[in-house]
Amino acid sequence: MSEYLSMKKVDLMIFDFDGTIVNSAKDIASSVNYALETLEIPILREEEIIRFIGDGVRELLRRSINKNYQNKFEMALEIFMNHYLEHMLDTTELYCGIRDVLDFFSDKTKIIVTNKHYNLTRKMTDYFDITDAFEEIVGVDSTPYRKPEQYLLKSLMNRYNIESSRTVVIGDGINDIIFAKNACAISCAFLNGLGIRKELLSLRPDFSYEEPLELKAIFY
């Protein structure tokens, strides 16, 4: 956990999804490699695919497909989506402590902002019975803007009439930290998600944590 002198008062909590609320790496990587293998494109190690997560499914597939096979991108995308819809919950689970964290901050306005599609995110939150913990879920297809564009976060702060100094963005990716900083909000990095620890810390987030339950000691 990062050094801090006192707990920070917040009213709006913006949560990333993959790698922050759910550990979904194996199922995403499995569906990527299924698409690649189906189209006879070289498959990748799971660790490689995980590094590509964070900017939405189209970027995930573009980065995963060997440059010599980019002409198969649209077919790979369709195969991936069909497979992932069927297998997205094979091994995916909530990070330990997340349910307790959501209950602890029940009086806060909490929103999921993700570069994952809304319907996929909602399917998961319904499955884990946490949908009602959030005021809303903002997927990559929910608005014309996506993380880390500042307008998206500023529009949410305006909608709920909450200042940036009382808004925290919690996530495991560099997009989450930049997203917060672009809108002058508080940044909080999850160091044990899917993101790369060194990259996250190099951005000097306001807070960082190793396990979700630590959030209860950082914010109130």
C-alpha atoms as a PDB file:
ATOM      1  CA  MET A   1       0.000   0.000   0.000  1.00  0.00           C
ATOM      2  CA  SER A   2       1.253   3.493  -0.730  1.00  0.00           C
ATOM      3  CA  GLU A   3       2.279   5.799   2.095  1.00  0.00           C
ATOM      4  CA  TYR A   4      -0.441   8.159   3.293  1.00  0.00           C
ATOM      5  CA  LEU A   5      -0.913  10.317   6.343  1.00  0.00           C
ATOM      6  CA  SER A   6      -4.659   9.940   6.759  1.00  0.00           C
ATOM      7  CA  MET A   7      -7.682   8.356   5.187  1.00  0.00           C
ATOM      8  CA  LYS A   8      -9.168  10.164   2.207  1.00  0.00           C
ATOM      9  CA  LYS A   9     -12.804  11.244   2.048  1.00  0.00           C
ATOM     10  CA  VAL A  10     -14.509  10.300  -1.235  1.00  0.00           C
ATOM     11  CA  ASP A  11     -18.087  10.400  -2.490  1.00  0.00           C
ATOM     12  CA  LEU A  12     -17.724   8.955  -6.003  1.00  0.00           C
ATOM     13  CA  MET A  13     -15.843   5.700  -6.603  1.00  0.00           C
ATOM     14  CA  ILE A  14     -15.091   4.731 -10.204  1.00  0.00           C
ATOM     15  CA  PHE A  15     -14.075   1.084 -10.559  1.00  0.00           C
ATOM     16  CA  ASP A  16     -12.377  -0.586 -13.480  1.00  0.00           C
ATOM     17  CA  PHE A  17     -13.690  -4.113 -14.116  1.00  0.00           C
ATOM     18  CA  ASP A  18     -11.318  -6.710 -15.595  1.00  0.00           C
ATOM     19  CA  GLY A  19      -8.313  -7.001 -13.323  1.00  0.00           C
ATOM     20  CA  THR A  20      -9.895  -4.876 -10.591  1.00  0.00           C
ATOM     21  CA  ILE A  21     -13.251  -6.418  -9.689  1.00  0.00           C
ATOM     22  CA  VAL A  22     -12.931  -9.729 -11.528  1.00  0.00           C
ATOM     23  CA  ASN A  23      -9.919 -11.868 -12.348  1.00  0.00           C
ATOM     24  CA  SER A  24     -10.874 -12.767 -15.898  1.00  0.00           C
ATOM     25  CA  ALA A  25      -7.474 -13.287 -17.498  1.00  0.00           C
ATOM     26  CA  LYS A  26      -7.663 -17.032 -18.165  1.00  0.00           C
ATOM     27  CA  ASP A  27     -11.042 -16.925 -19.896  1.00  0.00           C
ATOM     28  CA  ILE A  28     -10.067 -13.955 -22.065  1.00  0.00           C
ATOM     29  CA  ALA A  29      -6.771 -15.562 -23.056  1.00  0.00           C
ATOM     30  CA  SER A  30      -8.482 -18.877 -23.760  1.00  0.00           C
ATOM     31  CA  SER A  31     -10.972 -17.242 -26.136  1.00  0.00           C
ATOM     32  CA  VAL A  32      -8.227 -15.294 -27.904  1.00  0.00           C
ATOM     33  CA  ASN A  33      -6.200 -18.431 -28.506  1.00  0.00           C
ATOM     34  CA  TYR A  34      -9.306 -20.329 -29.604  1.00  0.00           C
ATOM     35  CA  ALA A  35      -9.895 -17.709 -32.299  1.00  0.00           C
ATOM     36  CA  LEU A  36      -6.254 -17.737 -33.365  1.00  0.00           C
ATOM     37  CA  GLU A  37      -6.045 -21.504 -33.506  1.00  0.00           C
ATOM     38  CA  THR A  38      -9.322 -21.778 -35.425  1.00  0.00           C
ATOM     39  CA  LEU A  39      -7.931 -19.480 -38.119  1.00  0.00           C
ATOM     40  CA  GLU A  40      -4.480 -21.136 -38.091  1.00  0.00           C
ATOM     41  CA  ILE A  41      -2.849 -18.029 -36.654  1.00  0.00           C
ATOM     42  CA  PRO A  42       0.065 -18.583 -34.229  1.00  0.00           C
ATOM     43  CA  ILE A  43      -1.264 -18.742 -30.661  1.00  0.00           C
ATOM     44  CA  LEU A  44       0.302 -16.820 -27.774  1.00  0.00           C
ATOM     45  CA  ARG A  45       1.273 -17.497 -24.199  1.00  0.00           C
ATOM     46  CA  GLU A  46      -1.345 -16.434 -21.685  1.00  0.00           C
ATOM     47  CA  GLU A  47       1.065 -13.893 -20.192  1.00  0.00           C
ATOM     48  CA  GLU A  48       1.462 -12.196 -23.557  1.00  0.00           C
ATOM     49  CA  ILE A  49      -2.288 -11.886 -24.086  1.00  0.00           C
ATOM     50  CA  ILE A  50      -2.839 -10.483 -20.593  1.00  0.00           C
ATOM     51  CA  ARG A  51      -0.486  -7.613 -21.435  1.00  0.00           C
ATOM     52  CA  PHE A  52      -2.834  -6.647 -24.283  1.00  0.00           C
ATOM     53  CA  ILE A  53      -5.964  -6.361 -22.101  1.00  0.00           C
ATOM     54  CA  GLY A  54      -7.294  -2.920 -21.192  1.00  0.00           C
ATOM     55  CA  ASP A  55      -8.185  -1.066 -24.380  1.00  0.00           C
ATOM     56  CA  GLY A  56     -11.184  -3.076 -25.490  1.00  0.00           C
ATOM     57  CA  VAL A  57     -11.648  -6.278 -27.456  1.00  0.00           C
ATOM     58  CA  ARG A  58     -10.736  -4.861 -30.874  1.00  0.00           C
ATOM     59  CA  GLU A  59      -7.341  -3.673 -29.660  1.00  0.00           C
ATOM     60  CA  LEU A  60      -6.876  -6.944 -27.785  1.00  0.00           C
ATOM     61  CA  LEU A  61      -7.342  -8.929 -30.998  1.00  0.00           C
ATOM     62  CA  ARG A  62      -5.262  -6.552 -33.125  1.00  0.00           C
ATOM     63  CA  ARG A  63      -2.338  -6.908 -30.743  1.00  0.00           C
ATOM     64  CA  SER A  64      -2.745 -10.674 -30.492  1.00  0.00           C
ATOM     65  CA  ILE A  65      -2.853 -11.386 -34.225  1.00  0.00           C
ATOM     66  CA  ASN A  66       0.490 -11.762 -35.942  1.00  0.00           C
ATOM     67  CA  LYS A  67       1.036  -8.899 -38.385  1.00  0.00           C
ATOM     68  CA  ASN A  68       1.025 -11.348 -41.288  1.00  0.00           C
ATOM     69  CA  TYR A  69      -2.557 -12.365 -40.507  1.00  0.00           C
ATOM     70  CA  GLN A  70      -4.285  -9.017 -39.960  1.00  0.00           C
ATOM     71  CA  ASN A  71      -6.521  -9.752 -42.946  1.00  0.00           C
ATOM     72  CA  LYS A  72      -8.246 -12.303 -40.727  1.00  0.00           C
ATOM     73  CA  PHE A  73      -9.030  -9.742 -38.017  1.00  0.00           C
ATOM     74  CA  GLU A  74     -12.808  -9.518 -38.501  1.00  0.00           C
ATOM     75  CA  MET A  75     -13.183 -13.297 -38.586  1.00  0.00           C
ATOM     76  CA  ALA A  76     -11.055 -13.605 -35.453  1.00  0.00           C
ATOM     77  CA  LEU A  77     -13.171 -10.991 -33.702  1.00  0.00           C
ATOM     78  CA  GLU A  78     -16.406 -12.854 -34.482  1.00  0.00           C
ATOM     79  CA  ILE A  79     -14.970 -16.198 -33.372  1.00  0.00           C
ATOM     80  CA  PHE A  80     -13.595 -14.649 -30.187  1.00  0.00           C
ATOM     81  CA  MET A  81     -16.908 -13.019 -29.250  1.00  0.00           C
ATOM     82  CA  ASN A  82     -18.938 -16.179 -29.840  1.00  0.00           C
ATOM     83  CA  HIS A  83     -16.521 -18.287 -27.821  1.00  0.00           C
ATOM     84  CA  TYR A  84     -16.160 -15.742 -25.021  1.00  0.00           C
ATOM     85  CA  LEU A  85     -19.921 -15.391 -24.598  1.00  0.00           C
ATOM     86  CA  GLU A  86     -20.072 -19.130 -23.927  1.00  0.00           C
ATOM     87  CA  HIS A  87     -16.948 -19.404 -21.768  1.00  0.00           C
ATOM     88  CA  MET A  88     -16.502 -16.028 -20.057  1.00  0.00           C
ATOM     89  CA  LEU A  89     -17.400 -17.478 -16.669  1.00  0.00           C
ATOM     90  CA  ASP A  90     -15.500 -20.764 -16.866  1.00  0.00           C
ATOM     91  CA  THR A  91     -12.788 -19.648 -14.434  1.00  0.00           C
ATOM     92  CA  THR A  92     -13.455 -15.932 -13.887  1.00  0.00           C
ATOM     93  CA  GLU A  93     -14.088 -14.975 -10.272  1.00  0.00           C
ATOM     94  CA  LEU A  94     -14.343 -11.935  -8.051  1.00  0.00           C
ATOM     95  CA  TYR A  95     -11.115 -10.839  -6.451  1.00  0.00           C
ATOM     96  CA  CYS A  96     -11.013 -11.878  -2.817  1.00  0.00           C
ATOM     97  CA  GLY A  97     -12.527  -9.149  -0.639  1.00  0.00           C
ATOM     98  CA  ILE A  98     -14.342  -7.245  -3.403  1.00  0.00           C
ATOM     99  CA  ARG A  99     -17.806  -8.171  -2.162  1.00  0.00           C
ATOM    100  CA  ASP A 100     -16.909  -6.957   1.337  1.00  0.00           C
ATOM    101  CA  VAL A 101     -15.469  -3.719  -0.111  1.00  0.00           C
ATOM    102  CA  LEU A 102     -18.672  -3.004  -2.041  1.00  0.00           C
ATOM    103  CA  ASP A 103     -20.743  -3.610   1.094  1.00  0.00           C
ATOM    104  CA  PHE A 104     -18.424  -1.420   3.189  1.00  0.00           C
ATOM    105  CA  PHE A 105     -18.816   1.493   0.757  1.00  0.00           C
ATOM    106  CA  SER A 106     -22.565   0.985   0.331  1.00  0.00           C
ATOM    107  CA  ASP A 107     -23.208   4.675   1.045  1.00  0.00           C
ATOM    108  CA  LYS A 108     -20.909   5.843  -1.763  1.00  0.00           C
ATOM    109  CA  THR A 109     -21.840   6.419  -5.394  1.00  0.00           C
ATOM    110  CA  LYS A 110     -20.057   3.610  -7.214  1.00  0.00           C
ATOM    111  CA  ILE A 111     -19.775   3.249 -10.996  1.00  0.00           C
ATOM    112  CA  ILE A 112     -18.040   0.703 -13.185  1.00  0.00           C
ATOM    113  CA  VAL A 113     -16.210   2.300 -16.111  1.00  0.00           C
ATOM    114  CA  THR A 114     -14.678  -0.297 -18.399  1.00  0.00           C
ATOM    115  CA  ASN A 115     -13.360  -0.688 -21.917  1.00  0.00           C
ATOM    116  CA  LYS A 116     -15.252  -3.994 -21.999  1.00  0.00           C
ATOM    117  CA  HIS A 117     -18.639  -4.099 -23.759  1.00  0.00           C
ATOM    118  CA  TYR A 118     -21.624  -3.317 -21.545  1.00  0.00           C
ATOM    119  CA  ASN A 119     -23.494  -6.575 -22.166  1.00  0.00           C
ATOM    120  CA  LEU A 120     -20.463  -8.684 -21.239  1.00  0.00           C
ATOM    121  CA  THR A 121     -19.856  -6.657 -18.093  1.00  0.00           C
ATOM    122  CA  ARG A 122     -23.519  -6.781 -17.094  1.00  0.00           C
ATOM    123  CA  LYS A 123     -23.647 -10.541 -17.639  1.00  0.00           C
ATOM    124  CA  MET A 124     -20.813 -10.910 -15.160  1.00  0.00           C
ATOM    125  CA  THR A 125     -22.137  -8.496 -12.544  1.00  0.00           C
ATOM    126  CA  ASP A 126     -25.506 -10.263 -12.682  1.00  0.00           C
ATOM    127  CA  TYR A 127     -23.824 -13.647 -12.332  1.00  0.00           C
ATOM    128  CA  PHE A 128     -21.892 -12.509  -9.265  1.00  0.00           C
ATOM    129  CA  ASP A 129     -24.932 -10.637  -7.913  1.00  0.00           C
ATOM    130  CA  ILE A 130     -23.158  -7.283  -7.594  1.00  0.00           C
ATOM    131  CA  THR A 131     -25.039  -5.237 -10.207  1.00  0.00           C
ATOM    132  CA  ASP A 132     -27.109  -3.443  -7.568  1.00  0.00           C
ATOM    133  CA  ALA A 133     -23.948  -2.276  -5.798  1.00  0.00           C
ATOM    134  CA  PHE A 134     -23.369   0.231  -8.611  1.00  0.00           C
ATOM    135  CA  GLU A 135     -25.301   3.274  -9.727  1.00  0.00           C
ATOM    136  CA  GLU A 136     -24.452   2.436 -13.307  1.00  0.00           C
ATOM    137  CA  ILE A 137     -22.163   0.452 -15.569  1.00  0.00           C
ATOM    138  CA  VAL A 138     -20.420   2.348 -18.356  1.00  0.00           C
ATOM    139  CA  GLY A 139     -19.081   0.052 -21.053  1.00  0.00           C
ATOM    140  CA  VAL A 140     -16.907   0.935 -24.021  1.00  0.00           C
ATOM    141  CA  ASP A 141     -20.051   0.944 -26.172  1.00  0.00           C
ATOM    142  CA  SER A 142     -22.095   3.046 -23.727  1.00  0.00           C
ATOM    143  CA  THR A 143     -20.735   6.448 -24.773  1.00  0.00           C
ATOM    144  CA  PRO A 144     -18.674   7.965 -27.607  1.00  0.00           C
ATOM    145  CA  TYR A 145     -15.805   8.321 -25.116  1.00  0.00           C
ATOM    146  CA  ARG A 146     -13.576   5.752 -23.477  1.00  0.00           C
ATOM    147  CA  LYS A 147     -10.887   5.658 -20.837  1.00  0.00           C
ATOM    148  CA  PRO A 148      -8.640   7.561 -20.470  1.00  0.00           C
ATOM    149  CA  GLU A 149     -10.529  10.468 -22.104  1.00  0.00           C
ATOM    150  CA  GLN A 150     -11.197  13.087 -19.452  1.00  0.00           C
ATOM    151  CA  TYR A 151     -14.635  14.077 -20.776  1.00  0.00           C
ATOM    152  CA  LEU A 152     -16.039  10.701 -19.762  1.00  0.00           C
ATOM    153  CA  LEU A 153     -15.020  11.125 -16.128  1.00  0.00           C
ATOM    154  CA  LYS A 154     -15.929  14.801 -16.000  1.00  0.00           C
ATOM    155  CA  SER A 155     -19.397  14.030 -17.346  1.00  0.00           C
ATOM    156  CA  LEU A 156     -19.926  11.498 -14.548  1.00  0.00           C
ATOM    157  CA  MET A 157     -18.742  13.935 -11.899  1.00  0.00           C
ATOM    158  CA  ASN A 158     -21.102  16.564 -13.295  1.00  0.00           C
ATOM    159  CA  ARG A 159     -24.010  14.125 -13.465  1.00  0.00           C
ATOM    160  CA  TYR A 160     -23.670  13.238  -9.795  1.00  0.00           C
ATOM    161  CA  ASN A 161     -22.539  16.732  -8.766  1.00  0.00           C
ATOM    162  CA  ILE A 162     -19.360  15.469  -7.113  1.00  0.00           C
ATOM    163  CA  GLU A 163     -16.069  17.346  -7.255  1.00  0.00           C
ATOM    164  CA  SER A 164     -12.867  15.801  -8.561  1.00  0.00           C
ATOM    165  CA  SER A 165     -11.289  16.069  -5.107  1.00  0.00           C
ATOM    166  CA  ARG A 166     -13.962  13.647  -3.835  1.00  0.00           C
ATOM    167  CA  THR A 167     -13.732  11.278  -6.821  1.00  0.00           C
ATOM    168  CA  VAL A 168     -11.413   8.284  -6.979  1.00  0.00           C
ATOM    169  CA  VAL A 169     -10.634   6.026  -9.936  1.00  0.00           C
ATOM    170  CA  ILE A 170      -9.659   2.527  -8.837  1.00  0.00           C
ATOM    171  CA  GLY A 171      -8.045   0.234 -11.374  1.00  0.00           C
ATOM    172  CA  ASP A 172      -5.196  -2.045 -12.359  1.00  0.00           C
ATOM    173  CA  GLY A 173      -4.242  -0.449 -15.674  1.00  0.00           C
ATOM    174  CA  ILE A 174      -2.292   2.587 -16.774  1.00  0.00           C
ATOM    175  CA  ASN A 175      -5.467   3.827 -18.496  1.00  0.00           C
ATOM    176  CA  ASP A 176      -7.145   4.054 -15.086  1.00  0.00           C
ATOM    177  CA  ILE A 177      -4.397   6.171 -13.579  1.00  0.00           C
ATOM    178  CA  ILE A 178      -4.214   8.462 -16.618  1.00  0.00           C
ATOM    179  CA  PHE A 179      -8.029   8.640 -16.642  1.00  0.00           C
ATOM    180  CA  ALA A 180      -8.000   9.997 -13.089  1.00  0.00           C
ATOM    181  CA  LYS A 181      -5.122  12.380 -13.628  1.00  0.00           C
ATOM    182  CA  ASN A 182      -6.627  13.787 -16.844  1.00  0.00           C
ATOM    183  CA  ALA A 183      -9.717  14.861 -14.887  1.00  0.00           C
ATOM    184  CA  CYS A 184      -7.833  15.901 -11.721  1.00  0.00           C
ATOM    185  CA  ALA A 185      -9.451  13.078  -9.738  1.00  0.00           C
ATOM    186  CA  ILE A 186      -7.779  10.789  -7.186  1.00  0.00           C
ATOM    187  CA  SER A 187      -5.954   7.803  -8.666  1.00  0.00           C
ATOM    188  CA  CYS A 188      -5.698   4.439  -6.915  1.00  0.00           C
ATOM    189  CA  ALA A 189      -3.774   1.539  -8.468  1.00  0.00           C
ATOM    190  CA  PHE A 190      -4.408  -2.152  -7.820  1.00  0.00           C
ATOM    191  CA  LEU A 191      -0.936  -3.668  -8.025  1.00  0.00           C
ATOM    192  CA  ASN A 192      -2.007  -7.315  -8.163  1.00  0.00           C
ATOM    193  CA  GLY A 193      -4.423  -7.097 -11.078  1.00  0.00           C
ATOM    194  CA  LEU A 194      -3.653  -7.659 -14.756  1.00  0.00           C
ATOM    195  CA  GLY A 195      -1.557  -4.518 -15.183  1.00  0.00           C
ATOM    196  CA  ILE A 196       2.207  -4.276 -14.878  1.00  0.00           C
ATOM    197  CA  ARG A 197       3.248  -3.077 -11.420  1.00  0.00           C
ATOM    198  CA  LYS A 198       6.274  -1.057 -12.574  1.00  0.00           C
ATOM    199  CA  GLU A 199       4.239   0.764 -15.209  1.00  0.00           C
ATOM    200  CA  LEU A 200       1.537   1.632 -12.693  1.00  0.00           C
ATOM    201  CA  LEU A 201       3.964   2.909 -10.073  1.00  0.00           C
ATOM    202  CA  SER A 202       5.889   4.919 -12.680  1.00  0.00           C
ATOM    203  CA  LEU A 203       2.740   7.028 -13.128  1.00  0.00           C
ATOM    204  CA  ARG A 204       2.832   7.930  -9.409  1.00  0.00           C
ATOM    205  CA  PRO A 205      -0.776   7.150  -8.471  1.00  0.00           C
ATOM    206  CA  ASP A 206      -2.098   8.929  -5.400  1.00  0.00           C
ATOM    207  CA  PHE A 207      -2.686   5.586  -3.700  1.00  0.00           C
ATOM    208  CA  SER A 208      -1.949   1.945  -4.417  1.00  0.00           C
ATOM    209  CA  TYR A 209      -2.964  -1.320  -2.801  1.00  0.00           C
ATOM    210  CA  GLU A 210      -2.086  -5.002  -2.890  1.00  0.00           C
ATOM    211  CA  GLU A 211      -5.409  -6.511  -1.785  1.00  0.00           C
ATOM    212  CA  PRO A 212      -8.963  -5.096  -2.190  1.00  0.00           C
ATOM    213  CA  LEU A 213      -9.684  -5.076   1.556  1.00  0.00           C
ATOM    214  CA  GLU A 214      -6.964  -2.435   1.969  1.00  0.00           C
ATOM    215  CA  LEU A 215      -9.341   0.061   0.336  1.00  0.00           C
ATOM    216  CA  LYS A 216     -11.288   0.157   3.602  1.00  0.00           C
ATOM    217  CA  ALA A 217      -8.233   1.659   5.284  1.00  0.00           C
ATOM    218  CA  ILE A 218      -7.538   4.216   2.549  1.00  0.00           C
ATOM    219  CA  PHE A 219     -10.960   5.783   1.878  1.00  0.00           C
ATOM    220  CA  TYR A 220     -13.980   6.735   3.903  1.00  0.00           C
END
